[in-house]
Amino acid sequence: MKAALQKSPIPASHAFVVKDLRDPHFDPNWHFHPEYQLFVVLQGSGTRFIGDHVKPFKEGDMVFTGPDLPHLWRSDNEYFEGREDLWTRGVVIYFHENFLGDQFLQKEEMIKVKQLFTRACRGVEVIGKTAECIRKMMLELLDLTGFESVIHLLKILHLLANTTEYHLLSSAGYTNSMKEGDTERMNKVHAYVMGNFRRKISLEEVAAIANMTPTSFSRYFKVHANKTFSDFVSEIRIGYACKLLIEDRLNVSQACYESGFQTLSNFNKQFKSITHRSPLAYKKEYTEAVFG
């Protein structure tokens, strides 16, 4: 799937590219590319995939990814229904490691930026005041050109390199083992799961989507996703349940069955395993953080 690998070409005449993305939904394709990418969601919600990490996203979500780290911001299903009241917007910056020269990162003054680029290989979620500040700077960057735009990008990288307000996303042992043809197969699997996770999904039916036997698909998915297919579906369901608990304000039992779980006991077990807290504790923690 070469289109996915060449998603963000940077003209030879430019040091970087910044884009204001406005569409009915974000690009639903699982992909990777050789550029570094800084992306912030200004409008929209859904599920974010970074390497082997899965998490819901909403307005304000900001992630810095390194070269060839597979990623996808999959908008919620309602964004694909053609509704005029739903729209997505984000700002993205692409640049190569050597955008200021081959030896630039070897200089002593750039050691923290070099460390930042190393962290980006796992995906970096930027949070707190740092994310708010960089969001404003990314919007300002859209209106800058020439040398001023390069200086502005360096200021953004300086903030990213020196902040402690971040989380690493993919597992330390995650490596991208996908080839070009794998992205199309994984896209089909992602799309199928996102459209059907609220009901029971059998291994046989999803293996058929990938045109593989159930046994072969299980091995294939584990290699490329760094987790079992069952664990992957559970993460999708728990992420959706989190949104139901805090955004739609459903109770635990409602969130359990609405997100595709068959029993409350299994839901509670999976929720705690993935979020490290019970559904009630999660909802309480969010409520206290937002409303005090």
Protein backbone atom coordinates (compact mmCIF):
# COMPACT_ATOMS: atom_id res chain seq x y z
CA MET A 1 0.00 0.00 0.00
CA LYS A 2 2.44 2.60 -1.23
CA ALA A 3 0.02 5.50 -0.83
CA ALA A 4 0.12 5.07 2.93
CA LEU A 5 3.90 5.05 3.00
CA GLN A 6 4.11 8.22 0.90
CA LYS A 7 1.37 10.03 2.81
CA SER A 8 3.39 13.10 3.74
CA PRO A 9 5.99 13.93 1.10
CA ILE A 10 7.98 17.08 1.87
CA PRO A 11 9.02 19.13 -1.19
CA ALA A 12 12.78 19.31 -1.64
CA SER A 13 12.47 23.10 -1.50
CA HIS A 14 11.05 23.06 2.06
CA ALA A 15 12.46 22.17 5.48
CA PHE A 16 9.07 20.95 6.73
CA VAL A 17 5.36 20.89 5.98
CA VAL A 18 2.49 22.09 8.20
CA LYS A 19 -1.13 21.40 7.29
CA ASP A 20 -4.54 22.43 8.58
CA LEU A 21 -6.70 19.32 8.17
CA ARG A 22 -10.46 19.84 7.90
CA ASP A 23 -12.53 16.84 6.82
CA PRO A 24 -15.71 14.94 7.70
CA HIS A 25 -13.42 12.38 9.41
CA PHE A 26 -9.71 11.80 9.89
CA ASP A 27 -7.89 9.52 7.45
CA PRO A 28 -9.03 6.00 8.49
CA ASN A 29 -5.94 4.26 7.13
CA TRP A 30 -3.31 2.59 9.35
CA HIS A 31 -0.03 3.88 7.94
CA PHE A 32 3.57 4.87 8.60
CA HIS A 33 6.10 7.13 6.89
CA PRO A 34 9.74 8.24 7.22
CA GLU A 35 8.98 11.70 8.62
CA TYR A 36 8.57 12.81 12.22
CA GLN A 37 5.01 13.97 12.84
CA LEU A 38 3.46 16.29 15.42
CA PHE A 39 -0.33 16.17 15.37
CA VAL A 40 -2.98 17.92 17.47
CA VAL A 41 -6.74 17.30 17.33
CA LEU A 42 -8.71 20.53 17.29
CA GLN A 43 -12.11 18.96 16.67
CA GLY A 44 -13.40 15.39 16.62
CA SER A 45 -13.29 12.18 18.65
CA GLY A 46 -12.50 8.53 18.10
CA THR A 47 -9.84 5.94 18.83
CA ARG A 48 -6.09 6.50 18.44
CA PHE A 49 -3.63 3.75 17.51
CA ILE A 50 0.12 4.37 17.96
CA GLY A 51 2.25 1.26 17.44
CA ASP A 52 0.76 -1.23 19.93
CA HIS A 53 -0.96 1.49 21.99
CA VAL A 54 -4.73 2.08 21.81
CA LYS A 55 -6.59 4.96 23.43
CA PRO A 56 -9.67 7.16 22.79
CA PHE A 57 -8.94 10.66 21.50
CA LYS A 58 -10.83 13.94 21.65
CA GLU A 59 -10.15 17.66 21.20
CA GLY A 60 -6.70 18.59 22.54
CA ASP A 61 -5.11 15.19 21.89
CA MET A 62 -1.47 15.79 20.90
CA VAL A 63 1.07 13.17 19.81
CA PHE A 64 4.62 13.32 18.46
CA THR A 65 5.63 10.24 16.44
CA GLY A 66 8.95 9.14 14.99
CA PRO A 67 9.80 7.65 11.58
CA ASP A 68 8.02 4.44 10.51
CA LEU A 69 5.92 4.18 13.68
CA PRO A 70 2.47 2.97 12.50
CA HIS A 71 -0.39 5.21 13.57
CA LEU A 72 -4.04 5.98 13.00
CA TRP A 73 -6.63 8.41 14.38
CA ARG A 74 -9.86 6.54 13.64
CA SER A 75 -12.88 8.85 13.97
CA ASP A 76 -15.98 7.52 15.73
CA ASN A 77 -18.41 5.65 13.47
CA GLU A 78 -20.91 8.53 13.34
CA TYR A 79 -18.32 10.67 11.50
CA PHE A 80 -18.63 8.30 8.52
CA GLU A 81 -22.42 8.70 8.25
CA GLY A 82 -22.36 11.94 6.29
CA ARG A 83 -23.78 14.08 9.08
CA GLU A 84 -23.34 17.79 8.43
CA ASP A 85 -23.07 18.61 12.14
CA LEU A 86 -19.95 16.45 12.59
CA TRP A 87 -16.57 17.57 11.31
CA THR A 88 -12.95 17.01 12.23
CA ARG A 89 -10.02 19.39 12.33
CA GLY A 90 -6.37 18.95 13.22
CA VAL A 91 -2.99 20.53 12.60
CA VAL A 92 -0.05 18.34 11.59
CA ILE A 93 3.65 19.08 11.10
CA TYR A 94 5.95 16.77 9.13
CA PHE A 95 9.74 16.99 9.00
CA HIS A 96 12.78 14.76 8.53
CA GLU A 97 15.39 14.20 11.21
CA ASN A 98 17.98 16.05 9.13
CA PHE A 99 15.73 18.98 8.16
CA LEU A 100 18.48 21.37 9.31
CA GLY A 101 21.42 19.35 8.01
CA ASP A 102 22.98 15.93 8.51
CA GLN A 103 25.23 16.98 11.42
CA PHE A 104 22.77 19.20 13.26
CA LEU A 105 21.72 16.66 15.90
CA GLN A 106 25.33 15.77 16.66
CA LYS A 107 26.01 19.18 18.20
CA GLU A 108 26.14 19.52 21.98
CA GLU A 109 23.39 22.14 22.00
CA MET A 110 20.96 19.63 20.45
CA ILE A 111 21.31 16.81 22.97
CA LYS A 112 17.79 17.26 24.42
CA VAL A 113 16.23 17.41 20.97
CA LYS A 114 18.10 14.24 20.06
CA GLN A 115 16.70 12.58 23.19
CA LEU A 116 13.22 13.81 22.21
CA PHE A 117 13.59 12.20 18.77
CA THR A 118 14.55 8.93 20.45
CA ARG A 119 11.41 9.07 22.60
CA ALA A 120 9.32 9.78 19.51
CA CYS A 121 10.15 6.31 18.19
CA ARG A 122 7.64 5.02 20.77
CA GLY A 123 5.18 7.89 20.30
CA VAL A 124 4.92 10.76 22.79
CA GLU A 125 1.58 12.02 24.09
CA VAL A 126 1.97 15.67 25.15
CA ILE A 127 -0.33 16.79 27.98
CA GLY A 128 -1.09 19.68 30.37
CA LYS A 129 0.02 23.28 29.93
CA THR A 130 2.71 22.20 27.46
CA ALA A 131 0.10 20.79 25.09
CA GLU A 132 -2.00 23.96 25.38
CA CYS A 133 1.01 26.16 24.61
CA ILE A 134 2.19 24.06 21.67
CA ARG A 135 -1.35 23.93 20.27
CA LYS A 136 -1.37 27.74 20.06
CA MET A 137 2.09 27.74 18.49
CA MET A 138 1.04 25.19 15.86
CA LEU A 139 -1.90 27.39 14.88
CA GLU A 140 0.46 30.38 14.65
CA LEU A 141 2.83 28.35 12.48
CA LEU A 142 0.11 28.02 9.82
CA ASP A 143 0.44 31.75 9.10
CA LEU A 144 4.25 31.95 9.06
CA THR A 145 6.60 31.52 6.12
CA GLY A 146 10.32 31.51 5.40
CA PHE A 147 12.92 31.76 8.13
CA GLU A 148 10.34 32.84 10.73
CA SER A 149 8.51 29.54 10.30
CA VAL A 150 11.72 27.53 10.87
CA ILE A 151 12.51 29.50 14.04
CA HIS A 152 8.95 28.89 15.26
CA LEU A 153 9.26 25.15 14.66
CA LEU A 154 12.53 25.12 16.61
CA LYS A 155 10.76 26.83 19.53
CA ILE A 156 8.11 24.10 19.45
CA LEU A 157 10.80 21.40 19.47
CA HIS A 158 12.55 23.20 22.35
CA LEU A 159 9.35 23.04 24.43
CA LEU A 160 8.80 19.38 23.56
CA ALA A 161 12.41 18.52 24.40
CA ASN A 162 12.33 20.18 27.83
CA THR A 163 8.88 19.35 29.15
CA THR A 164 8.05 16.61 31.64
CA GLU A 165 4.37 16.73 30.66
CA TYR A 166 4.27 13.68 28.43
CA HIS A 167 3.61 9.94 28.30
CA LEU A 168 5.37 7.36 26.14
CA LEU A 169 2.85 5.29 24.21
CA SER A 170 4.10 2.13 22.48
CA SER A 171 5.76 -0.63 24.48
CA ALA A 172 9.54 -0.43 24.87
CA GLY A 173 9.89 -3.66 22.90
CA TYR A 174 7.59 -2.68 20.03
CA THR A 175 9.07 -2.74 16.54
CA ASN A 176 7.28 -2.15 13.26
CA SER A 177 7.44 -5.44 11.37
CA MET A 178 4.95 -4.48 8.69
CA LYS A 179 5.68 -4.43 4.96
CA GLU A 180 3.78 -2.36 2.42
CA GLY A 181 1.15 -5.04 1.80
CA ASP A 182 0.47 -5.47 5.51
CA THR A 183 -1.00 -1.99 5.94
CA GLU A 184 -3.97 -2.79 3.70
CA ARG A 185 -4.70 -6.03 5.56
CA MET A 186 -4.44 -4.32 8.96
CA ASN A 187 -6.66 -1.48 7.72
CA LYS A 188 -9.38 -4.02 6.88
CA VAL A 189 -9.07 -5.60 10.33
CA HIS A 190 -9.15 -2.21 12.11
CA ALA A 191 -12.17 -1.05 10.12
CA TYR A 192 -14.04 -4.28 10.77
CA VAL A 193 -13.37 -4.25 14.50
CA MET A 194 -14.28 -0.57 14.85
CA GLY A 195 -17.59 -1.23 13.10
CA ASN A 196 -18.47 -4.37 15.03
CA PHE A 197 -16.82 -4.33 18.49
CA ARG A 198 -20.15 -3.81 20.27
CA ARG A 199 -21.12 -7.39 19.42
CA LYS A 200 -19.22 -10.65 19.74
CA ILE A 201 -16.55 -10.99 17.03
CA SER A 202 -15.35 -14.50 16.29
CA LEU A 203 -11.78 -15.24 15.29
CA GLU A 204 -13.10 -17.07 12.22
CA GLU A 205 -14.95 -14.06 10.81
CA VAL A 206 -12.08 -11.61 11.25
CA ALA A 207 -9.61 -14.16 9.85
CA ALA A 208 -11.81 -14.36 6.76
CA ILE A 209 -11.62 -10.58 6.41
CA ALA A 210 -7.81 -10.94 6.35
CA ASN A 211 -8.09 -13.89 3.94
CA MET A 212 -6.27 -16.19 6.38
CA THR A 213 -7.01 -19.24 8.49
CA PRO A 214 -7.83 -18.50 12.16
CA THR A 215 -4.53 -20.02 13.33
CA SER A 216 -2.45 -18.10 10.78
CA PHE A 217 -4.30 -14.87 11.53
CA SER A 218 -3.69 -15.25 15.28
CA ARG A 219 0.06 -15.57 14.70
CA TYR A 220 0.09 -12.77 12.13
CA PHE A 221 -1.80 -10.33 14.37
CA LYS A 222 0.35 -11.07 17.41
CA VAL A 223 3.53 -10.36 15.41
CA HIS A 224 2.30 -7.07 13.91
CA ALA A 225 0.24 -5.70 16.82
CA ASN A 226 2.40 -6.98 19.69
CA LYS A 227 -0.73 -8.36 21.40
CA THR A 228 -3.39 -11.01 20.82
CA PHE A 229 -6.48 -10.20 18.78
CA SER A 230 -8.61 -10.77 21.89
CA ASP A 231 -6.58 -8.23 23.88
CA PHE A 232 -6.86 -5.76 21.00
CA VAL A 233 -10.67 -6.01 20.93
CA SER A 234 -10.81 -5.64 24.72
CA GLU A 235 -8.77 -2.41 24.51
CA ILE A 236 -11.16 -1.01 21.89
CA ARG A 237 -14.17 -1.90 24.04
CA ILE A 238 -12.69 -0.48 27.24
CA GLY A 239 -11.72 2.72 25.45
CA TYR A 240 -15.30 3.09 24.25
CA ALA A 241 -16.61 2.30 27.74
CA CYS A 242 -14.43 5.09 29.17
CA LYS A 243 -16.10 7.54 26.81
CA LEU A 244 -19.55 6.28 27.78
CA LEU A 245 -18.77 6.67 31.47
CA ILE A 246 -17.43 10.21 31.29
CA GLU A 247 -19.04 11.77 28.20
CA ASP A 248 -22.45 10.09 28.01
CA ARG A 249 -22.54 9.64 31.80
CA LEU A 250 -23.81 6.07 31.66
CA ASN A 251 -23.61 3.88 34.74
CA VAL A 252 -21.17 0.95 34.90
CA SER A 253 -23.71 -1.68 33.88
CA GLN A 254 -24.88 0.35 30.87
CA ALA A 255 -21.30 1.03 29.75
CA CYS A 256 -20.48 -2.66 30.09
CA TYR A 257 -23.14 -3.94 27.70
CA GLU A 258 -23.04 -0.95 25.34
CA SER A 259 -19.32 -1.52 24.74
CA GLY A 260 -19.71 -5.18 23.80
CA PHE A 261 -19.02 -7.11 26.98
CA GLN A 262 -21.27 -10.05 27.81
CA THR A 263 -20.80 -10.08 31.60
CA LEU A 264 -20.25 -7.39 34.21
CA SER A 265 -17.56 -9.44 35.96
CA ASN A 266 -15.45 -9.75 32.81
CA PHE A 267 -15.96 -6.04 32.09
CA ASN A 268 -14.72 -5.06 35.54
CA LYS A 269 -11.73 -7.38 35.24
CA GLN A 270 -10.72 -6.11 31.79
CA PHE A 271 -11.32 -2.47 32.76
CA LYS A 272 -9.01 -2.70 35.76
CA SER A 273 -6.38 -4.60 33.77
CA ILE A 274 -6.25 -1.90 31.08
CA THR A 275 -6.85 1.33 33.04
CA HIS A 276 -5.44 0.17 36.42
CA ARG A 277 -8.59 1.30 38.22
CA SER A 278 -12.20 0.17 38.55
CA PRO A 279 -14.92 1.73 36.36
CA LEU A 280 -16.36 3.58 39.37
CA ALA A 281 -12.94 4.87 40.44
CA TYR A 282 -12.25 5.98 36.85
CA LYS A 283 -15.52 7.88 36.64
CA LYS A 284 -15.00 9.45 40.08
CA GLU A 285 -11.44 10.50 39.25
CA TYR A 286 -12.57 12.18 36.03
CA THR A 287 -15.51 13.94 37.70
CA GLU A 288 -13.33 15.34 40.49
CA ALA A 289 -10.68 16.51 38.00
CA VAL A 290 -13.24 18.33 35.84
CA PHE A 291 -15.73 19.61 38.39
CA GLY A 292 -13.55 19.78 41.50
